[in-house]
Amino acid sequence: MAVSYESLLFCDYPTETIRNLITVAVTNLRKKRPWFRFDTEVKDGVTLRTGRARLFGGERIGIIAEEKSVRIISECVWPTRIIDWGKNRENVEAVRQALKDALAWAKSRPGHELVREALACAYPELSESELAEIIARRGGNP
């Protein structure tokens, strides 16, 4: 079994809103830590991967939206690795901080702004008018 570290961040939002917050947080996090890259999209979340050290294979980070919380798990890619020198904890804490920043940002804005920001992060090729059209079709709801 690979070395891993896990944390749970509680937030008072429904799962759909938490998914939008994850999108915003991960996009902002990747600006600060470009070695974090998208691995796969999973139901209610995403998986990131780091590749900082070829010798050790990096880590896989799962960020999953649950009801009123976000589960963050970082584990070594190589299952035989038994020492991680604190990398998994560092990854989880970086994701937690990015999510806390996104939560603080979201608390001061209406839901449709969070949806707009999440869409803009996920689809940077969309224009402002296309973003506005998508939000209008959804009724402006998060």
Protein backbone atom coordinates (compact mmCIF):
# COMPACT_ATOMS: atom_id res chain seq x y z
CA MET A 1 0.00 0.00 0.00
CA ALA A 2 1.31 3.42 -0.96
CA VAL A 3 1.97 6.18 1.54
CA SER A 4 -0.96 8.61 1.71
CA TYR A 5 -2.41 11.55 3.61
CA GLU A 6 -6.08 12.53 3.81
CA SER A 7 -8.07 15.51 5.04
CA LEU A 8 -11.70 16.60 5.12
CA LEU A 9 -12.71 20.25 4.72
CA PHE A 10 -16.22 21.12 5.89
CA CYS A 11 -18.20 23.80 4.06
CA ASP A 12 -21.85 24.73 4.13
CA TYR A 13 -22.62 24.40 0.41
CA PRO A 14 -24.44 21.81 -1.69
CA THR A 15 -22.39 19.35 -3.76
CA GLU A 16 -22.91 21.22 -7.07
CA THR A 17 -21.54 24.45 -5.59
CA ILE A 18 -18.62 22.58 -4.04
CA ARG A 19 -17.77 21.15 -7.49
CA ASN A 20 -17.62 24.71 -8.85
CA LEU A 21 -15.40 25.74 -5.93
CA ILE A 22 -13.07 22.82 -6.67
CA THR A 23 -12.75 23.97 -10.29
CA VAL A 24 -11.88 27.52 -9.23
CA ALA A 25 -9.49 26.36 -6.48
CA VAL A 26 -7.62 23.91 -8.71
CA THR A 27 -7.23 26.46 -11.50
CA ASN A 28 -5.80 29.01 -9.05
CA LEU A 29 -3.60 26.37 -7.41
CA ARG A 30 -2.11 25.34 -10.77
CA LYS A 31 -1.04 28.95 -11.34
CA LYS A 32 1.07 28.76 -8.16
CA ARG A 33 2.14 25.13 -8.59
CA PRO A 34 2.41 24.37 -12.31
CA TRP A 35 3.66 20.83 -11.62
CA PHE A 36 0.12 19.96 -10.46
CA ARG A 37 -1.64 18.71 -13.58
CA PHE A 38 -5.07 17.27 -14.24
CA ASP A 39 -5.09 13.48 -14.29
CA THR A 40 -8.76 12.51 -14.56
CA GLU A 41 -12.18 13.87 -13.83
CA VAL A 42 -14.18 11.71 -11.44
CA LYS A 43 -17.77 11.89 -10.26
CA ASP A 44 -18.04 14.95 -8.02
CA GLY A 45 -14.37 15.85 -8.27
CA VAL A 46 -11.01 15.69 -9.99
CA THR A 47 -7.73 13.86 -9.70
CA LEU A 48 -4.47 15.77 -10.00
CA ARG A 49 -1.01 14.39 -10.42
CA THR A 50 2.38 15.78 -9.51
CA GLY A 51 5.50 14.76 -11.32
CA ARG A 52 8.19 16.61 -9.47
CA ALA A 53 10.52 13.65 -9.04
CA ARG A 54 10.90 11.01 -11.75
CA LEU A 55 12.76 8.79 -9.34
CA PHE A 56 9.72 8.60 -7.04
CA GLY A 57 6.89 8.85 -9.59
CA GLY A 58 5.10 11.77 -7.97
CA GLU A 59 1.75 11.77 -6.16
CA ARG A 60 -1.90 11.45 -7.12
CA ILE A 61 -4.27 13.91 -5.42
CA GLY A 62 -8.00 13.23 -5.29
CA ILE A 63 -10.39 16.11 -4.58
CA ILE A 64 -13.95 14.87 -4.11
CA ALA A 65 -17.06 16.92 -3.32
CA GLU A 66 -19.24 15.30 -0.68
CA GLU A 67 -22.36 16.65 0.98
CA LYS A 68 -21.23 19.77 2.88
CA SER A 69 -17.53 18.79 2.65
CA VAL A 70 -14.54 18.16 0.40
CA ARG A 71 -12.33 15.09 0.80
CA ILE A 72 -8.69 15.58 -0.21
CA ILE A 73 -6.42 12.54 -0.55
CA SER A 74 -2.80 12.51 -1.69
CA GLU A 75 -1.01 9.24 -2.26
CA CYS A 76 2.24 8.15 -3.82
CA VAL A 77 1.89 6.87 -7.37
CA TRP A 78 4.25 3.98 -6.73
CA PRO A 79 2.57 1.55 -4.31
CA THR A 80 5.92 0.32 -3.01
CA ARG A 81 7.02 3.73 -1.74
CA ILE A 82 7.07 3.70 2.05
CA ILE A 83 8.52 7.17 2.81
CA ASP A 84 7.17 10.38 1.29
CA TRP A 85 9.19 13.00 3.21
CA GLY A 86 6.00 14.97 3.90
CA LYS A 87 5.04 15.47 0.23
CA ASN A 88 1.52 14.05 0.60
CA ARG A 89 0.76 16.28 3.58
CA GLU A 90 2.21 19.29 1.72
CA ASN A 91 -0.03 18.52 -1.29
CA VAL A 92 -3.15 18.19 0.85
CA GLU A 93 -2.41 21.41 2.74
CA ALA A 94 -1.86 23.30 -0.54
CA VAL A 95 -5.22 22.07 -1.88
CA ARG A 96 -6.94 22.87 1.44
CA GLN A 97 -5.61 26.43 1.34
CA ALA A 98 -6.70 26.90 -2.28
CA LEU A 99 -10.19 25.65 -1.35
CA LYS A 100 -10.33 27.94 1.70
CA ASP A 101 -9.38 30.88 -0.52
CA ALA A 102 -12.11 29.91 -3.01
CA LEU A 103 -14.63 29.58 -0.16
CA ALA A 104 -13.74 33.02 1.20
CA TRP A 105 -14.11 34.46 -2.30
CA ALA A 106 -17.47 32.71 -2.85
CA LYS A 107 -18.99 33.86 0.46
CA SER A 108 -18.90 37.46 -0.68
CA ARG A 109 -20.53 36.85 -4.07
CA PRO A 110 -23.87 35.63 -5.43
CA GLY A 111 -24.06 32.08 -6.76
CA HIS A 112 -24.11 33.00 -10.45
CA GLU A 113 -20.68 34.69 -10.11
CA LEU A 114 -19.23 31.45 -8.74
CA VAL A 115 -20.71 29.52 -11.66
CA ARG A 116 -19.29 32.10 -14.08
CA GLU A 117 -15.83 31.90 -12.49
CA ALA A 118 -15.88 28.07 -12.49
CA LEU A 119 -16.89 28.01 -16.16
CA ALA A 120 -14.22 30.57 -17.03
CA CYS A 121 -11.60 28.45 -15.24
CA ALA A 122 -12.75 25.20 -16.83
CA TYR A 123 -13.25 26.65 -20.34
CA PRO A 124 -10.88 29.58 -20.83
CA GLU A 125 -11.72 29.69 -24.54
CA LEU A 126 -15.30 30.90 -23.84
CA SER A 127 -16.03 34.58 -24.35
CA GLU A 128 -17.87 36.73 -21.80
CA SER A 129 -21.04 36.60 -23.92
CA GLU A 130 -20.90 32.80 -24.13
CA LEU A 131 -20.43 32.57 -20.36
CA ALA A 132 -23.40 34.92 -19.81
CA GLU A 133 -25.54 32.84 -22.18
CA ILE A 134 -24.74 29.58 -20.36
CA ILE A 135 -25.52 31.16 -16.98
CA ALA A 136 -28.78 32.64 -18.32
CA ARG A 137 -29.85 29.22 -19.63
CA ARG A 138 -29.28 27.82 -16.14
CA GLY A 139 -31.45 30.57 -14.70
CA GLY A 140 -28.49 32.25 -13.00
CA ASN A 141 -28.44 29.53 -10.35
CA PRO A 142 -25.25 27.87 -9.07
